[in-house]
Amino acid sequence: MYVDQRTVYEAFGLIIDSSLPLPELRLSAAAPAESDVRVKVTDWEDPLWDGFPSAGPCHEAQQEVFKLQIPGAARFGVIKGKEILVAPAPDEDPDKTRLYILGTCLGVILMQRHLLPLHGSAIAVEGRAYAFVGDSGAGKSTLAQALIQAGHGLVSDDVIAVHWSADGMPYAEPAYPQQKLWEESLTAFGQETASLRSVFSRESKYAVPAAAFYEQRLPLAGIFELVPDSGGDTRLVQIPRLQGIHTIMRHTYRSRLITKLGKDQWHFGTSARLAGAIPVLQLHRGLNGFTADRMKHLVLQHIEQGKGNDIHEDRTTAGR
């Protein structure tokens, strides 16, 4: 049984007041009344679930309300970008429940608030954030870890919240100081797994505390799409703006929900705006051996070469 013991956290540029413990998140000094999002415990008899299937994984999505049911975890209701209702299942595993609160539920919260959630890792390099996106297994978190070991800070892992400043510039908001890394990557970095907690349902993937975490929002200066390339060496290619729009849309977190949430127009407009504001590149990753160091070198070399340029230049003619 849960005890309603409210704690205030912060992540993705939001103040989160939660009745459930969310130890992955950073504590906030804000008062509950100042929160942007409220996480509350309810039960399976709540009227919100009227007509909802009684068993099995399922979801329903409308513009302002998203409902999700995960066996062994909970029923989740995400409402108007402001509230997450959690009704624990009788056989609930709290780790599994938190996985969905911190992932899908907060991803939907961001979309409902018209804040773009990119699926990837973001790293702080010399006062700017750089996003690394790609399909599952592309090496996003591994590259981020290589950059952290080179002295740079983690901004976010898995979900990158993109906010816009008053003058129309994109910023990446810090999430929480943790990465998820496969055992193979940790071994390549010479890290032991004995003291680490495995991610729910993935015994060989581990929650890794970030050695360096950047707690302030940073201007988002570039997006790198990691693309496995079986026929070539690791290389970096800048892509035209129209292709960049497609890249951003494709690597939006939980993008399959966007149409159901009625966010298609917003999604396209925001993706086009972002592709016009910052460069989008493809980082082709050769598949021979451990390539994180080579990718790290290419990324840092590109950043160094771009010093002094306006990172928000008009790119409407890029690639012509």
C-alpha atoms as a PDB file:
ATOM      1  CA  MET A   1       0.000   0.000   0.000  1.00  0.00           C
ATOM      2  CA  TYR A   2       1.247   3.453  -0.916  1.00  0.00           C
ATOM      3  CA  VAL A   3       1.554   6.226   1.655  1.00  0.00           C
ATOM      4  CA  ASP A   4       0.739   9.614   0.155  1.00  0.00           C
ATOM      5  CA  GLN A   5       4.023  11.322   0.968  1.00  0.00           C
ATOM      6  CA  ARG A   6       4.429  14.119  -1.536  1.00  0.00           C
ATOM      7  CA  THR A   7       7.894  14.932  -2.833  1.00  0.00           C
ATOM      8  CA  VAL A   8       8.832  17.619  -5.333  1.00  0.00           C
ATOM      9  CA  TYR A   9      11.277  16.801  -8.122  1.00  0.00           C
ATOM     10  CA  GLU A  10      12.499  18.458 -11.302  1.00  0.00           C
ATOM     11  CA  ALA A  11      13.197  17.065 -14.751  1.00  0.00           C
ATOM     12  CA  PHE A  12      12.775  18.148 -18.388  1.00  0.00           C
ATOM     13  CA  GLY A  13      12.329  21.758 -17.296  1.00  0.00           C
ATOM     14  CA  LEU A  14       9.271  20.823 -15.215  1.00  0.00           C
ATOM     15  CA  ILE A  15       8.571  20.840 -11.473  1.00  0.00           C
ATOM     16  CA  ILE A  16       6.988  17.485 -10.611  1.00  0.00           C
ATOM     17  CA  ASP A  17       5.013  16.976  -7.393  1.00  0.00           C
ATOM     18  CA  SER A  18       4.679  13.224  -6.806  1.00  0.00           C
ATOM     19  CA  SER A  19       2.905  11.004  -4.291  1.00  0.00           C
ATOM     20  CA  LEU A  20       5.088   8.144  -5.513  1.00  0.00           C
ATOM     21  CA  PRO A  21       8.829   8.006  -4.822  1.00  0.00           C
ATOM     22  CA  LEU A  22      10.801   8.722  -7.999  1.00  0.00           C
ATOM     23  CA  PRO A  23      14.386   8.352  -6.764  1.00  0.00           C
ATOM     24  CA  GLU A  24      15.873   8.678 -10.253  1.00  0.00           C
ATOM     25  CA  LEU A  25      14.822  12.343 -10.371  1.00  0.00           C
ATOM     26  CA  ARG A  26      16.547  15.330  -8.789  1.00  0.00           C
ATOM     27  CA  LEU A  27      14.882  16.858  -5.749  1.00  0.00           C
ATOM     28  CA  SER A  28      13.514  20.370  -6.175  1.00  0.00           C
ATOM     29  CA  ALA A  29      13.409  23.233  -3.677  1.00  0.00           C
ATOM     30  CA  ALA A  30      10.044  24.336  -5.092  1.00  0.00           C
ATOM     31  CA  ALA A  31       6.825  24.003  -3.094  1.00  0.00           C
ATOM     32  CA  PRO A  32       4.112  21.568  -4.274  1.00  0.00           C
ATOM     33  CA  ALA A  33       1.908  24.542  -5.167  1.00  0.00           C
ATOM     34  CA  GLU A  34       4.540  25.647  -7.715  1.00  0.00           C
ATOM     35  CA  SER A  35       4.546  22.345  -9.603  1.00  0.00           C
ATOM     36  CA  ASP A  36       3.873  21.958 -13.317  1.00  0.00           C
ATOM     37  CA  VAL A  37       2.932  18.277 -13.097  1.00  0.00           C
ATOM     38  CA  ARG A  38       1.230  16.280 -10.336  1.00  0.00           C
ATOM     39  CA  VAL A  39       1.705  12.495 -10.009  1.00  0.00           C
ATOM     40  CA  LYS A  40      -1.109  10.977  -7.948  1.00  0.00           C
ATOM     41  CA  VAL A  41      -2.075   7.479  -6.825  1.00  0.00           C
ATOM     42  CA  THR A  42      -5.594   6.320  -7.611  1.00  0.00           C
ATOM     43  CA  ASP A  43      -7.228   2.879  -7.950  1.00  0.00           C
ATOM     44  CA  TRP A  44      -8.844   0.694 -10.592  1.00  0.00           C
ATOM     45  CA  GLU A  45     -12.287   1.943  -9.590  1.00  0.00           C
ATOM     46  CA  ASP A  46     -11.570   5.526 -10.608  1.00  0.00           C
ATOM     47  CA  PRO A  47     -14.192   6.769 -13.147  1.00  0.00           C
ATOM     48  CA  LEU A  48     -11.322   7.514 -15.535  1.00  0.00           C
ATOM     49  CA  TRP A  49     -11.153   3.787 -16.309  1.00  0.00           C
ATOM     50  CA  ASP A  50     -14.856   3.333 -17.117  1.00  0.00           C
ATOM     51  CA  GLY A  51     -15.084   1.139 -20.206  1.00  0.00           C
ATOM     52  CA  PHE A  52     -11.355   0.358 -20.154  1.00  0.00           C
ATOM     53  CA  PRO A  53     -10.376  -3.324 -20.774  1.00  0.00           C
ATOM     54  CA  SER A  54      -9.949  -5.256 -17.541  1.00  0.00           C
ATOM     55  CA  ALA A  55      -6.848  -7.192 -18.617  1.00  0.00           C
ATOM     56  CA  GLY A  56      -3.873  -7.121 -20.947  1.00  0.00           C
ATOM     57  CA  PRO A  57      -1.704  -4.290 -22.250  1.00  0.00           C
ATOM     58  CA  CYS A  58      -3.718  -1.558 -23.936  1.00  0.00           C
ATOM     59  CA  HIS A  59      -3.953   2.190 -24.404  1.00  0.00           C
ATOM     60  CA  GLU A  60      -6.364   4.904 -25.498  1.00  0.00           C
ATOM     61  CA  ALA A  61      -5.367   8.359 -26.681  1.00  0.00           C
ATOM     62  CA  GLN A  62      -7.287  11.573 -27.157  1.00  0.00           C
ATOM     63  CA  GLN A  63      -6.002  15.118 -27.494  1.00  0.00           C
ATOM     64  CA  GLU A  64      -6.000  15.874 -23.757  1.00  0.00           C
ATOM     65  CA  VAL A  65      -6.197  12.407 -22.150  1.00  0.00           C
ATOM     66  CA  PHE A  66      -3.946   9.383 -22.610  1.00  0.00           C
ATOM     67  CA  LYS A  67      -4.649   6.089 -20.845  1.00  0.00           C
ATOM     68  CA  LEU A  68      -2.294   3.124 -20.621  1.00  0.00           C
ATOM     69  CA  GLN A  69      -2.540  -0.284 -18.946  1.00  0.00           C
ATOM     70  CA  ILE A  70       0.572  -2.390 -18.330  1.00  0.00           C
ATOM     71  CA  PRO A  71       0.189  -5.808 -16.645  1.00  0.00           C
ATOM     72  CA  GLY A  72       2.438  -6.166 -13.617  1.00  0.00           C
ATOM     73  CA  ALA A  73       2.671  -2.387 -13.279  1.00  0.00           C
ATOM     74  CA  ALA A  74      -0.340  -0.093 -13.287  1.00  0.00           C
ATOM     75  CA  ARG A  75      -2.982   1.809 -15.129  1.00  0.00           C
ATOM     76  CA  PHE A  76      -1.732   5.272 -16.080  1.00  0.00           C
ATOM     77  CA  GLY A  77      -3.751   8.349 -16.974  1.00  0.00           C
ATOM     78  CA  VAL A  78      -1.959  11.376 -18.442  1.00  0.00           C
ATOM     79  CA  ILE A  79      -4.209  14.426 -18.454  1.00  0.00           C
ATOM     80  CA  LYS A  80      -3.817  17.842 -20.108  1.00  0.00           C
ATOM     81  CA  GLY A  81      -0.062  17.983 -19.639  1.00  0.00           C
ATOM     82  CA  LYS A  82      -0.552  18.530 -15.917  1.00  0.00           C
ATOM     83  CA  GLU A  83      -1.419  15.269 -14.209  1.00  0.00           C
ATOM     84  CA  ILE A  84      -0.342  11.622 -14.150  1.00  0.00           C
ATOM     85  CA  LEU A  85      -2.749   9.264 -12.373  1.00  0.00           C
ATOM     86  CA  VAL A  86      -1.309   5.888 -11.365  1.00  0.00           C
ATOM     87  CA  ALA A  87      -3.501   2.943 -10.345  1.00  0.00           C
ATOM     88  CA  PRO A  88      -1.120   0.129  -9.262  1.00  0.00           C
ATOM     89  CA  ALA A  89      -1.958  -3.393 -10.406  1.00  0.00           C
ATOM     90  CA  PRO A  90      -2.452  -6.092  -7.728  1.00  0.00           C
ATOM     91  CA  ASP A  91       0.806  -7.751  -8.850  1.00  0.00           C
ATOM     92  CA  GLU A  92       2.658  -4.476  -9.356  1.00  0.00           C
ATOM     93  CA  ASP A  93       6.429  -4.267  -9.618  1.00  0.00           C
ATOM     94  CA  PRO A  94       7.324  -0.684  -8.537  1.00  0.00           C
ATOM     95  CA  ASP A  95      10.435  -0.643 -10.760  1.00  0.00           C
ATOM     96  CA  LYS A  96       8.276  -1.411 -13.784  1.00  0.00           C
ATOM     97  CA  THR A  97       5.754   1.261 -12.773  1.00  0.00           C
ATOM     98  CA  ARG A  98       8.476   3.910 -12.484  1.00  0.00           C
ATOM     99  CA  LEU A  99       9.871   2.893 -15.852  1.00  0.00           C
ATOM    100  CA  TYR A 100       6.565   3.879 -17.479  1.00  0.00           C
ATOM    101  CA  ILE A 101       6.088   7.038 -15.409  1.00  0.00           C
ATOM    102  CA  LEU A 102       9.560   8.323 -16.318  1.00  0.00           C
ATOM    103  CA  GLY A 103       9.286   7.158 -19.922  1.00  0.00           C
ATOM    104  CA  THR A 104       5.964   7.021 -21.747  1.00  0.00           C
ATOM    105  CA  CYS A 105       3.948   9.116 -19.271  1.00  0.00           C
ATOM    106  CA  LEU A 106       6.393  12.029 -19.094  1.00  0.00           C
ATOM    107  CA  GLY A 107       6.898  11.762 -22.864  1.00  0.00           C
ATOM    108  CA  VAL A 108       3.151  12.271 -23.354  1.00  0.00           C
ATOM    109  CA  ILE A 109       3.170  15.111 -20.804  1.00  0.00           C
ATOM    110  CA  LEU A 110       5.793  16.875 -22.933  1.00  0.00           C
ATOM    111  CA  MET A 111       3.756  16.413 -26.112  1.00  0.00           C
ATOM    112  CA  GLN A 112       0.562  17.621 -24.438  1.00  0.00           C
ATOM    113  CA  ARG A 113       2.486  20.740 -23.371  1.00  0.00           C
ATOM    114  CA  HIS A 114       3.849  21.153 -26.924  1.00  0.00           C
ATOM    115  CA  LEU A 115       7.433  20.460 -25.855  1.00  0.00           C
ATOM    116  CA  LEU A 116       9.264  18.230 -28.322  1.00  0.00           C
ATOM    117  CA  PRO A 117      10.625  14.973 -26.808  1.00  0.00           C
ATOM    118  CA  LEU A 118      13.488  13.566 -28.867  1.00  0.00           C
ATOM    119  CA  HIS A 119      14.461   9.920 -28.407  1.00  0.00           C
ATOM    120  CA  GLY A 120      18.154   9.992 -27.653  1.00  0.00           C
ATOM    121  CA  SER A 121      20.953  11.274 -25.438  1.00  0.00           C
ATOM    122  CA  ALA A 122      22.144  14.858 -25.006  1.00  0.00           C
ATOM    123  CA  ILE A 123      25.627  15.917 -23.923  1.00  0.00           C
ATOM    124  CA  ALA A 124      26.961  19.306 -22.821  1.00  0.00           C
ATOM    125  CA  VAL A 125      30.068  20.444 -24.698  1.00  0.00           C
ATOM    126  CA  GLU A 126      31.484  23.888 -23.910  1.00  0.00           C
ATOM    127  CA  GLY A 127      28.181  25.387 -22.832  1.00  0.00           C
ATOM    128  CA  ARG A 128      25.998  23.923 -25.559  1.00  0.00           C
ATOM    129  CA  ALA A 129      23.958  20.729 -25.824  1.00  0.00           C
ATOM    130  CA  TYR A 130      24.233  18.232 -28.655  1.00  0.00           C
ATOM    131  CA  ALA A 131      21.604  15.533 -29.239  1.00  0.00           C
ATOM    132  CA  PHE A 132      22.349  11.998 -30.420  1.00  0.00           C
ATOM    133  CA  VAL A 133      19.332  10.211 -31.862  1.00  0.00           C
ATOM    134  CA  GLY A 134      18.886   6.882 -33.630  1.00  0.00           C
ATOM    135  CA  ASP A 135      17.114   3.558 -33.624  1.00  0.00           C
ATOM    136  CA  SER A 136      17.375   1.177 -30.705  1.00  0.00           C
ATOM    137  CA  GLY A 137      20.881  -0.270 -30.554  1.00  0.00           C
ATOM    138  CA  ALA A 138      22.415   2.485 -32.696  1.00  0.00           C
ATOM    139  CA  GLY A 139      24.855   3.401 -29.925  1.00  0.00           C
ATOM    140  CA  LYS A 140      23.419   6.673 -28.584  1.00  0.00           C
ATOM    141  CA  SER A 141      24.116   6.029 -24.906  1.00  0.00           C
ATOM    142  CA  THR A 142      27.480   4.424 -25.658  1.00  0.00           C
ATOM    143  CA  LEU A 143      28.631   7.525 -27.554  1.00  0.00           C
ATOM    144  CA  ALA A 144      27.297   9.714 -24.744  1.00  0.00           C
ATOM    145  CA  GLN A 145      29.328   7.697 -22.224  1.00  0.00           C
ATOM    146  CA  ALA A 146      32.459   8.115 -24.351  1.00  0.00           C
ATOM    147  CA  LEU A 147      31.931  11.884 -24.318  1.00  0.00           C
ATOM    148  CA  ILE A 148      31.313  11.868 -20.549  1.00  0.00           C
ATOM    149  CA  GLN A 149      34.585  10.001 -20.044  1.00  0.00           C
ATOM    150  CA  ALA A 150      36.255  12.705 -22.130  1.00  0.00           C
ATOM    151  CA  GLY A 151      35.143  15.294 -19.575  1.00  0.00           C
ATOM    152  CA  HIS A 152      31.762  16.418 -20.883  1.00  0.00           C
ATOM    153  CA  GLY A 153      28.459  16.329 -18.984  1.00  0.00           C
ATOM    154  CA  LEU A 154      25.246  14.392 -19.447  1.00  0.00           C
ATOM    155  CA  VAL A 155      22.142  16.505 -20.072  1.00  0.00           C
ATOM    156  CA  SER A 156      19.644  13.731 -20.734  1.00  0.00           C
ATOM    157  CA  ASP A 157      19.476  10.049 -21.622  1.00  0.00           C
ATOM    158  CA  ASP A 158      16.628   8.376 -23.544  1.00  0.00           C
ATOM    159  CA  VAL A 159      14.312  11.433 -23.665  1.00  0.00           C
ATOM    160  CA  ILE A 160      15.512  14.945 -24.590  1.00  0.00           C
ATOM    161  CA  ALA A 161      13.019  17.727 -23.852  1.00  0.00           C
ATOM    162  CA  VAL A 162      13.347  20.617 -26.321  1.00  0.00           C
ATOM    163  CA  HIS A 163      12.029  23.957 -25.048  1.00  0.00           C
ATOM    164  CA  TRP A 164      12.037  27.284 -26.889  1.00  0.00           C
ATOM    165  CA  SER A 165      13.327  30.502 -25.378  1.00  0.00           C
ATOM    166  CA  ALA A 166      11.479  33.819 -25.556  1.00  0.00           C
ATOM    167  CA  ASP A 167      13.627  34.810 -28.545  1.00  0.00           C
ATOM    168  CA  GLY A 168      12.749  31.599 -30.396  1.00  0.00           C
ATOM    169  CA  MET A 169      15.898  29.554 -29.831  1.00  0.00           C
ATOM    170  CA  PRO A 170      15.818  25.806 -28.971  1.00  0.00           C
ATOM    171  CA  TYR A 171      17.135  24.613 -25.611  1.00  0.00           C
ATOM    172  CA  ALA A 172      17.687  21.142 -24.163  1.00  0.00           C
ATOM    173  CA  GLU A 173      16.477  20.704 -20.593  1.00  0.00           C
ATOM    174  CA  PRO A 174      18.318  18.422 -18.148  1.00  0.00           C
ATOM    175  CA  ALA A 175      16.563  15.185 -17.204  1.00  0.00           C
ATOM    176  CA  TYR A 176      18.206  13.154 -14.428  1.00  0.00           C
ATOM    177  CA  PRO A 177      21.782  11.952 -13.770  1.00  0.00           C
ATOM    178  CA  GLN A 178      21.503   8.399 -15.037  1.00  0.00           C
ATOM    179  CA  GLN A 179      22.197   6.450 -18.205  1.00  0.00           C
ATOM    180  CA  LYS A 180      21.087   3.034 -19.413  1.00  0.00           C
ATOM    181  CA  LEU A 181      23.980   1.053 -20.866  1.00  0.00           C
ATOM    182  CA  TRP A 182      24.331  -2.487 -22.161  1.00  0.00           C
ATOM    183  CA  GLU A 183      26.837  -4.767 -20.439  1.00  0.00           C
ATOM    184  CA  GLU A 184      28.831  -5.027 -23.678  1.00  0.00           C
ATOM    185  CA  SER A 185      29.418  -1.265 -23.695  1.00  0.00           C
ATOM    186  CA  LEU A 186      30.306  -1.166 -20.001  1.00  0.00           C
ATOM    187  CA  THR A 187      32.858  -3.943 -20.518  1.00  0.00           C
ATOM    188  CA  ALA A 188      34.414  -2.028 -23.419  1.00  0.00           C
ATOM    189  CA  PHE A 189      34.768   1.011 -21.133  1.00  0.00           C
ATOM    190  CA  GLY A 190      36.334  -1.150 -18.410  1.00  0.00           C
ATOM    191  CA  GLN A 191      33.425  -0.704 -15.993  1.00  0.00           C
ATOM    192  CA  GLU A 192      32.197  -3.411 -13.602  1.00  0.00           C
ATOM    193  CA  THR A 193      28.483  -4.228 -13.333  1.00  0.00           C
ATOM    194  CA  ALA A 194      28.432  -5.849  -9.881  1.00  0.00           C
ATOM    195  CA  SER A 195      27.353  -2.660  -8.110  1.00  0.00           C
ATOM    196  CA  LEU A 196      24.839  -1.590 -10.775  1.00  0.00           C
ATOM    197  CA  ARG A 197      21.090  -2.227 -10.918  1.00  0.00           C
ATOM    198  CA  SER A 198      19.798  -3.826 -14.105  1.00  0.00           C
ATOM    199  CA  VAL A 199      16.976  -2.138 -16.000  1.00  0.00           C
ATOM    200  CA  PHE A 200      13.603  -3.839 -15.557  1.00  0.00           C
ATOM    201  CA  SER A 201      13.182  -6.863 -17.875  1.00  0.00           C
ATOM    202  CA  ARG A 202      16.641  -6.320 -19.415  1.00  0.00           C
ATOM    203  CA  GLU A 203      19.147  -8.238 -17.327  1.00  0.00           C
ATOM    204  CA  SER A 204      22.146  -7.162 -19.404  1.00  0.00           C
ATOM    205  CA  LYS A 205      21.258  -3.446 -19.472  1.00  0.00           C
ATOM    206  CA  TYR A 206      22.137  -1.362 -16.436  1.00  0.00           C
ATOM    207  CA  ALA A 207      21.205   1.934 -14.817  1.00  0.00           C
ATOM    208  CA  VAL A 208      24.490   3.821 -14.584  1.00  0.00           C
ATOM    209  CA  PRO A 209      24.868   7.004 -12.490  1.00  0.00           C
ATOM    210  CA  ALA A 210      26.357   9.744 -14.645  1.00  0.00           C
ATOM    211  CA  ALA A 211      29.895  10.670 -13.656  1.00  0.00           C
ATOM    212  CA  ALA A 212      29.178  14.250 -14.745  1.00  0.00           C
ATOM    213  CA  PHE A 213      25.728  15.816 -15.046  1.00  0.00           C
ATOM    214  CA  TYR A 214      24.855  19.282 -16.326  1.00  0.00           C
ATOM    215  CA  GLU A 215      21.915  20.663 -14.348  1.00  0.00           C
ATOM    216  CA  GLN A 216      21.168  23.808 -16.357  1.00  0.00           C
ATOM    217  CA  ARG A 217      19.243  24.215 -19.607  1.00  0.00           C
ATOM    218  CA  LEU A 218      21.559  24.680 -22.559  1.00  0.00           C
ATOM    219  CA  PRO A 219      21.138  25.955 -26.109  1.00  0.00           C
ATOM    220  CA  LEU A 220      20.681  22.978 -28.422  1.00  0.00           C
ATOM    221  CA  ALA A 221      23.402  23.377 -31.030  1.00  0.00           C
ATOM    222  CA  GLY A 222      23.094  20.265 -33.205  1.00  0.00           C
ATOM    223  CA  ILE A 223      21.490  16.885 -33.758  1.00  0.00           C
ATOM    224  CA  PHE A 224      23.476  13.802 -34.779  1.00  0.00           C
ATOM    225  CA  GLU A 225      21.581  10.777 -36.119  1.00  0.00           C
ATOM    226  CA  LEU A 226      23.547   7.568 -35.530  1.00  0.00           C
ATOM    227  CA  VAL A 227      23.233   5.248 -38.521  1.00  0.00           C
ATOM    228  CA  PRO A 228      24.842   1.771 -38.531  1.00  0.00           C
ATOM    229  CA  ASP A 229      26.794   1.330 -41.774  1.00  0.00           C
ATOM    230  CA  SER A 230      27.895  -2.198 -42.627  1.00  0.00           C
ATOM    231  CA  GLY A 231      29.578  -1.100 -45.846  1.00  0.00           C
ATOM    232  CA  GLY A 232      31.727   1.786 -44.732  1.00  0.00           C
ATOM    233  CA  ASP A 233      33.904   3.443 -42.145  1.00  0.00           C
ATOM    234  CA  THR A 234      32.658   5.749 -39.415  1.00  0.00           C
ATOM    235  CA  ARG A 235      31.976   9.160 -40.995  1.00  0.00           C
ATOM    236  CA  LEU A 236      29.977  12.340 -40.495  1.00  0.00           C
ATOM    237  CA  VAL A 237      27.614  13.825 -43.107  1.00  0.00           C
ATOM    238  CA  GLN A 238      25.530  17.006 -42.871  1.00  0.00           C
ATOM    239  CA  ILE A 239      22.095  16.504 -44.388  1.00  0.00           C
ATOM    240  CA  PRO A 240      19.688  18.934 -46.131  1.00  0.00           C
ATOM    241  CA  ARG A 241      16.989  20.662 -44.116  1.00  0.00           C
ATOM    242  CA  LEU A 242      14.100  18.655 -45.596  1.00  0.00           C
ATOM    243  CA  GLN A 243      15.817  15.407 -44.676  1.00  0.00           C
ATOM    244  CA  GLY A 244      16.523  16.910 -41.253  1.00  0.00           C
ATOM    245  CA  ILE A 245      12.796  17.474 -40.695  1.00  0.00           C
ATOM    246  CA  HIS A 246      12.144  13.805 -41.430  1.00  0.00           C
ATOM    247  CA  THR A 247      14.982  12.784 -39.083  1.00  0.00           C
ATOM    248  CA  ILE A 248      13.539  14.831 -36.212  1.00  0.00           C
ATOM    249  CA  MET A 249      10.010  13.521 -36.783  1.00  0.00           C
ATOM    250  CA  ARG A 250      11.211   9.921 -36.996  1.00  0.00           C
ATOM    251  CA  HIS A 251      13.213  10.159 -33.779  1.00  0.00           C
ATOM    252  CA  THR A 252      10.572  11.874 -31.683  1.00  0.00           C
ATOM    253  CA  TYR A 253       9.972   9.843 -28.534  1.00  0.00           C
ATOM    254  CA  ARG A 254       6.823   7.678 -28.767  1.00  0.00           C
ATOM    255  CA  SER A 255       6.121   9.150 -32.203  1.00  0.00           C
ATOM    256  CA  ARG A 256       3.463   6.506 -32.907  1.00  0.00           C
ATOM    257  CA  LEU A 257       1.198   8.285 -30.411  1.00  0.00           C
ATOM    258  CA  ILE A 258       1.320  11.699 -32.111  1.00  0.00           C
ATOM    259  CA  THR A 259      -1.585  11.154 -34.520  1.00  0.00           C
ATOM    260  CA  LYS A 260      -3.744   9.628 -31.777  1.00  0.00           C
ATOM    261  CA  LEU A 261      -3.041  12.659 -29.578  1.00  0.00           C
ATOM    262  CA  GLY A 262      -4.043  15.006 -32.406  1.00  0.00           C
ATOM    263  CA  LYS A 263      -0.537  16.520 -32.571  1.00  0.00           C
ATOM    264  CA  ASP A 264       0.398  15.999 -36.245  1.00  0.00           C
ATOM    265  CA  GLN A 265       0.328  19.661 -37.255  1.00  0.00           C
ATOM    266  CA  TRP A 266       2.244  20.731 -34.171  1.00  0.00           C
ATOM    267  CA  HIS A 267       4.782  17.922 -34.666  1.00  0.00           C
ATOM    268  CA  PHE A 268       5.546  18.825 -38.267  1.00  0.00           C
ATOM    269  CA  GLY A 269       5.741  22.556 -37.534  1.00  0.00           C
ATOM    270  CA  THR A 270       8.022  22.092 -34.528  1.00  0.00           C
ATOM    271  CA  SER A 271      10.275  19.641 -36.394  1.00  0.00           C
ATOM    272  CA  ALA A 272      10.581  22.048 -39.337  1.00  0.00           C
ATOM    273  CA  ARG A 273      11.338  24.919 -36.979  1.00  0.00           C
ATOM    274  CA  LEU A 274      14.067  22.923 -35.240  1.00  0.00           C
ATOM    275  CA  ALA A 275      15.621  21.715 -38.512  1.00  0.00           C
ATOM    276  CA  GLY A 276      15.753  25.329 -39.643  1.00  0.00           C
ATOM    277  CA  ALA A 277      17.426  26.512 -36.451  1.00  0.00           C
ATOM    278  CA  ILE A 278      20.289  24.036 -35.989  1.00  0.00           C
ATOM    279  CA  PRO A 279      22.311  21.603 -38.123  1.00  0.00           C
ATOM    280  CA  VAL A 280      21.173  17.991 -38.392  1.00  0.00           C
ATOM    281  CA  LEU A 281      23.867  15.478 -39.310  1.00  0.00           C
ATOM    282  CA  GLN A 282      24.214  11.752 -39.852  1.00  0.00           C
ATOM    283  CA  LEU A 283      26.971   9.922 -38.016  1.00  0.00           C
ATOM    284  CA  HIS A 284      27.535   6.727 -39.980  1.00  0.00           C
ATOM    285  CA  ARG A 285      28.907   4.115 -37.637  1.00  0.00           C
ATOM    286  CA  GLY A 286      31.112   1.373 -39.013  1.00  0.00           C
ATOM    287  CA  LEU A 287      30.302  -2.029 -37.576  1.00  0.00           C
ATOM    288  CA  ASN A 288      33.864  -3.340 -37.258  1.00  0.00           C
ATOM    289  CA  GLY A 289      34.845  -3.325 -33.589  1.00  0.00           C
ATOM    290  CA  PHE A 290      34.097  -0.803 -30.864  1.00  0.00           C
ATOM    291  CA  THR A 291      33.598   2.547 -32.623  1.00  0.00           C
ATOM    292  CA  ALA A 292      32.668   4.889 -29.742  1.00  0.00           C
ATOM    293  CA  ASP A 293      36.113   6.541 -29.627  1.00  0.00           C
ATOM    294  CA  ARG A 294      36.092   7.183 -33.369  1.00  0.00           C
ATOM    295  CA  MET A 295      32.572   8.645 -33.207  1.00  0.00           C
ATOM    296  CA  LYS A 296      33.562  10.810 -30.238  1.00  0.00           C
ATOM    297  CA  HIS A 297      36.547  12.156 -32.177  1.00  0.00           C
ATOM    298  CA  LEU A 298      34.402  13.049 -35.211  1.00  0.00           C
ATOM    299  CA  VAL A 299      31.784  14.804 -33.091  1.00  0.00           C
ATOM    300  CA  LEU A 300      34.313  16.865 -31.119  1.00  0.00           C
ATOM    301  CA  GLN A 301      36.224  17.709 -34.296  1.00  0.00           C
ATOM    302  CA  HIS A 302      33.008  18.952 -35.913  1.00  0.00           C
ATOM    303  CA  ILE A 303      32.160  21.061 -32.862  1.00  0.00           C
ATOM    304  CA  GLU A 304      35.674  22.535 -32.765  1.00  0.00           C
ATOM    305  CA  GLN A 305      35.536  23.426 -36.467  1.00  0.00           C
ATOM    306  CA  GLY A 306      32.170  25.121 -35.981  1.00  0.00           C
ATOM    307  CA  LYS A 307      33.335  27.480 -33.239  1.00  0.00           C
ATOM    308  CA  GLY A 308      32.511  31.099 -33.977  1.00  0.00           C
ATOM    309  CA  ASN A 309      29.633  30.236 -36.285  1.00  0.00           C
ATOM    310  CA  ASP A 310      26.079  31.200 -35.411  1.00  0.00           C
ATOM    311  CA  ILE A 311      24.538  27.894 -34.346  1.00  0.00           C
ATOM    312  CA  HIS A 312      21.055  29.231 -35.134  1.00  0.00           C
ATOM    313  CA  GLU A 313      21.855  30.419 -38.661  1.00  0.00           C
ATOM    314  CA  ASP A 314      19.186  30.230 -41.363  1.00  0.00           C
ATOM    315  CA  ARG A 315      19.599  26.835 -43.019  1.00  0.00           C
ATOM    316  CA  THR A 316      16.846  27.114 -45.619  1.00  0.00           C
ATOM    317  CA  THR A 317      19.394  26.577 -48.412  1.00  0.00           C
ATOM    318  CA  ALA A 318      21.353  23.811 -46.704  1.00  0.00           C
ATOM    319  CA  GLY A 319      22.145  20.923 -48.999  1.00  0.00           C
ATOM    320  CA  ARG A 320      21.368  22.783 -52.257  1.00  0.00           C
END
